[in-house]
Protein backbone atom coordinates (compact mmCIF):
# COMPACT_ATOMS: atom_id res chain seq x y z
CA MET A 1 36.97 84.38 120.77
CA GLU A 2 39.87 82.27 122.05
CA ILE A 3 43.18 84.04 122.65
CA ILE A 4 45.94 82.12 120.89
CA VAL A 5 48.97 84.21 121.82
CA GLU A 6 49.37 86.95 124.40
CA THR A 7 52.32 89.06 125.46
CA VAL A 8 52.58 90.47 128.97
CA ASN A 9 54.77 93.54 129.52
CA LEU A 10 57.22 92.41 126.86
CA TRP A 11 60.62 94.11 126.77
CA LYS A 12 63.59 93.43 124.54
CA VAL A 13 66.86 95.25 125.20
CA TYR A 14 69.98 94.74 123.10
CA GLU A 15 73.24 95.67 124.79
CA THR A 16 76.24 96.92 122.87
CA GLU A 17 79.63 97.92 124.23
CA THR A 18 78.55 101.53 124.52
CA ASP A 19 74.76 101.53 124.73
CA LYS A 20 71.49 99.73 125.43
CA VAL A 21 68.94 99.63 122.64
CA LYS A 22 65.36 99.21 123.84
CA ALA A 23 63.75 97.47 120.87
CA LEU A 24 60.46 96.70 122.67
CA LYS A 25 59.06 98.61 125.64
CA GLY A 26 56.37 96.87 127.66
CA VAL A 27 54.32 95.45 124.77
CA ASN A 28 50.93 93.92 125.63
CA LEU A 29 49.26 92.20 122.69
CA LYS A 30 46.48 89.62 122.30
CA LEU A 31 45.95 87.61 119.12
CA ARG A 32 42.68 85.71 118.81
CA LYS A 33 41.87 82.57 116.88
CA GLY A 34 41.17 83.15 113.20
CA GLU A 35 42.05 86.85 113.14
CA PHE A 36 43.93 88.37 110.22
CA SER A 37 45.95 91.24 111.68
CA LEU A 38 48.60 93.70 110.57
CA LEU A 39 51.48 95.03 112.66
CA MET A 40 52.35 98.37 111.13
CA GLY A 41 55.30 100.64 111.74
CA ALA A 42 58.33 102.21 110.13
CA SER A 43 61.60 100.40 109.66
CA GLY A 44 63.29 99.99 113.05
CA SER A 45 60.05 100.39 115.02
CA GLY A 46 60.26 96.91 116.57
CA LYS A 47 58.05 94.88 114.21
CA SER A 48 60.56 92.14 113.45
CA THR A 49 61.71 91.94 117.07
CA LEU A 50 58.13 91.40 118.24
CA LEU A 51 57.51 88.71 115.62
CA HIS A 52 60.72 86.92 116.62
CA LEU A 53 59.61 86.87 120.26
CA LEU A 54 56.08 85.73 119.37
CA GLY A 55 57.58 82.96 117.27
CA THR A 56 60.05 81.91 119.99
CA LEU A 57 63.00 82.66 117.71
CA ASP A 58 64.33 84.94 120.46
CA LYS A 59 63.72 85.43 124.18
CA PRO A 60 62.43 88.59 125.88
CA THR A 61 64.56 90.59 128.29
CA GLU A 62 61.49 90.98 130.49
CA GLY A 63 57.86 89.88 130.31
CA LYS A 64 56.18 86.78 128.95
CA VAL A 65 54.81 85.24 125.79
CA LEU A 66 51.80 83.07 126.58
CA TYR A 67 50.40 80.45 124.21
CA LYS A 68 46.83 79.63 125.20
CA GLY A 69 47.74 80.85 128.68
CA LYS A 70 50.93 78.79 128.98
CA ASP A 71 54.25 80.57 129.55
CA LEU A 72 56.55 79.52 126.70
CA SER A 73 59.67 80.41 128.71
CA LEU A 74 59.05 77.29 130.79
CA LEU A 75 59.75 75.00 127.82
CA ASN A 76 63.26 73.63 127.32
CA SER A 77 64.97 74.13 123.96
CA LYS A 78 63.90 70.73 122.55
CA LYS A 79 60.24 71.20 123.47
CA LEU A 80 60.35 74.78 122.20
CA ALA A 81 61.67 73.63 118.80
CA THR A 82 58.88 71.04 118.56
CA PHE A 83 56.29 73.64 119.54
CA ARG A 84 57.63 76.09 116.97
CA ASN A 85 57.56 73.54 114.15
CA LYS A 86 54.02 72.33 114.88
CA LYS A 87 52.19 75.42 116.10
CA ILE A 88 53.79 78.37 114.30
CA GLY A 89 54.31 79.07 110.60
CA PHE A 90 56.79 81.70 109.41
CA VAL A 91 56.84 83.72 106.20
CA PHE A 92 59.71 86.15 105.72
CA GLN A 93 60.51 88.91 103.23
CA PHE A 94 63.03 86.55 101.66
CA HIS A 95 61.49 83.16 100.99
CA TYR A 96 64.46 81.11 102.29
CA LEU A 97 63.59 78.18 100.05
CA ILE A 98 66.35 75.62 99.55
CA ASN A 99 67.59 75.86 95.95
CA GLU A 100 68.79 72.25 95.89
CA LEU A 101 65.25 70.99 96.59
CA THR A 102 62.17 71.09 94.41
CA ILE A 103 59.19 73.21 95.45
CA LEU A 104 57.42 70.04 96.58
CA GLU A 105 60.42 68.94 98.65
CA ASN A 106 60.75 72.40 100.22
CA VAL A 107 57.16 72.28 101.42
CA MET A 108 57.64 68.73 102.74
CA VAL A 109 60.55 69.72 105.02
CA PRO A 110 58.52 70.79 108.12
CA LEU A 111 56.46 67.58 107.93
CA LEU A 112 59.58 65.42 107.74
CA LEU A 113 61.11 67.30 110.68
CA ALA A 114 57.93 66.53 112.62
CA GLY A 115 58.37 62.81 111.93
CA GLU A 116 55.82 62.40 109.13
CA LYS A 117 56.35 59.50 106.72
CA LYS A 118 57.76 60.63 103.39
CA SER A 119 54.83 59.26 101.40
CA GLU A 120 52.30 61.07 103.59
CA ALA A 121 54.36 64.28 103.56
CA LYS A 122 54.47 64.18 99.77
CA LYS A 123 50.71 63.70 99.56
CA LYS A 124 49.93 66.57 101.96
CA ALA A 125 52.42 68.94 100.32
CA THR A 126 51.08 68.16 96.85
CA GLU A 127 47.50 68.83 97.95
CA LEU A 128 48.39 72.16 99.58
CA LEU A 129 50.44 73.34 96.60
CA GLN A 130 47.49 72.55 94.36
CA ILE A 131 45.19 74.58 96.63
CA ILE A 132 47.44 77.66 96.38
CA GLY A 133 47.87 77.36 92.62
CA LEU A 134 51.33 75.83 92.39
CA GLY A 135 50.35 72.32 91.38
CA TYR A 136 52.19 72.79 88.08
CA ARG A 137 55.42 73.78 89.85
CA LEU A 138 55.98 70.70 92.03
CA SER A 139 59.19 69.57 90.32
CA HIS A 140 60.63 73.04 89.72
CA ARG A 141 63.40 74.45 91.87
CA PRO A 142 63.17 77.93 93.47
CA PHE A 143 65.48 79.58 90.93
CA GLU A 144 63.16 78.43 88.13
CA ILE A 145 60.02 80.27 89.31
CA SER A 146 58.92 83.88 89.83
CA GLY A 147 59.17 85.94 93.03
CA GLY A 148 55.44 85.71 93.62
CA GLU A 149 55.50 81.94 93.16
CA LYS A 150 58.39 81.67 95.61
CA GLN A 151 56.35 83.51 98.25
CA ARG A 152 53.36 81.26 97.55
CA ALA A 153 55.62 78.26 98.09
CA ALA A 154 56.92 79.84 101.32
CA ILE A 155 53.32 80.32 102.47
CA ALA A 156 52.58 76.67 101.71
CA ARG A 157 55.63 75.64 103.74
CA ALA A 158 54.43 77.82 106.63
CA LEU A 159 50.98 76.20 106.56
CA ILE A 160 51.92 72.57 105.92
CA ASN A 161 51.91 71.54 109.61
CA SER A 162 48.50 73.19 110.14
CA PRO A 163 49.87 75.79 112.58
CA GLU A 164 47.51 77.81 114.71
CA ILE A 165 49.31 81.04 113.90
CA VAL A 166 51.31 82.33 110.94
CA LEU A 167 53.77 85.17 111.50
CA ALA A 168 54.78 87.03 108.33
CA ASP A 169 57.57 89.62 108.33
CA GLU A 170 57.27 91.98 105.33
CA PRO A 171 56.21 89.03 103.13
CA THR A 172 55.55 91.27 100.12
CA GLY A 173 58.49 93.65 100.59
CA ASN A 174 60.26 92.45 97.44
CA LEU A 175 57.17 92.12 95.24
CA ASP A 176 55.53 94.51 92.81
CA THR A 177 52.09 95.97 93.51
CA GLU A 178 50.13 93.42 91.48
CA THR A 179 51.97 90.43 92.95
CA THR A 180 51.64 91.89 96.46
CA ALA A 181 47.85 92.03 96.07
CA SER A 182 47.83 88.45 94.77
CA VAL A 183 49.93 87.10 97.66
CA LEU A 184 47.90 88.97 100.32
CA SER A 185 44.62 87.81 98.78
CA LEU A 186 45.94 84.25 98.95
CA MET A 187 46.89 84.62 102.63
CA ARG A 188 43.47 86.05 103.43
CA GLU A 189 41.78 83.21 101.54
CA LEU A 190 43.81 80.61 103.44
CA ASN A 191 43.04 82.39 106.71
CA LYS A 192 39.32 81.98 106.01
CA LYS A 193 39.62 78.44 104.67
CA PHE A 194 41.67 77.00 107.53
CA GLY A 195 40.86 79.41 110.39
CA THR A 196 44.55 80.11 110.89
CA THR A 197 45.51 83.24 112.82
CA PHE A 198 47.75 85.60 110.81
CA LEU A 199 49.92 88.48 112.02
CA ILE A 200 51.67 90.33 109.21
CA ALA A 201 54.36 92.92 109.93
CA THR A 202 54.46 95.59 107.25
CA HIS A 203 54.87 99.29 106.56
CA ASN A 204 52.71 99.09 103.42
CA LYS A 205 49.44 100.96 104.00
CA ASP A 206 47.90 99.36 100.91
CA LEU A 207 47.52 96.15 102.92
CA GLU A 208 45.11 97.70 105.45
CA LYS A 209 42.06 96.68 103.41
CA PHE A 210 42.84 93.01 104.03
CA ALA A 211 42.94 93.21 107.83
CA ASP A 212 40.51 92.45 110.66
CA ASN A 213 42.77 94.35 113.08
CA ILE A 214 45.65 96.76 112.69
CA TYR A 215 48.24 97.28 115.41
CA PHE A 216 50.67 100.19 115.25
CA ILE A 217 54.13 100.15 116.77
CA LYS A 218 56.53 103.09 117.12
CA ASP A 219 59.93 103.14 118.81
CA GLY A 220 59.19 99.78 120.46
CA ILE A 221 55.86 100.90 121.93
CA LEU A 222 52.56 99.36 120.82
CA LEU A 223 50.22 102.30 120.31
CA ASN A 224 46.89 100.47 120.55
């Protein structure tokens, strides 16, 4: 199976005035096309740092992030931003929807940033929101819908550009048990429908039943 993203001896060190914090220590990870994987570890273990490096939101201190064998560090900032918008979808613990925009408009944003015509962006966003069960919420604003619906909208926004990989950082951290199961079932369903690779950072062991692979991280070290 094709390797989508690979890390090679990935280190991330944060320097303070008095200390150096080694957030990641030589991480080697391979994510294959279509896999639905969990990254599990306690708070402060390095989960978010690894996702930020995989998603090119931050740069490693040492090592490389390879996308289909290509070193992403060789891209300039403009090309990296284009790559990030088209190839990677992000879902965070907090949905980060824009309250001034409707749910439909929120999901259209990545398409418009990629240069899509407004009419086509509206059509694609409407179709995707209908697929994930939010067709009746198109004209609502984020503050008018539930937490679970907000995360569904955030998932739609992450998928709207047909990315090859979706990185989710504690996407159900603020949801109750029932809503968590609903959101994870949706992500798994979309993974199967579109063949999108998912990596979900979590400390919730109840999510293990959804995964093809489970990676464990502790003190910045990938254990498997």
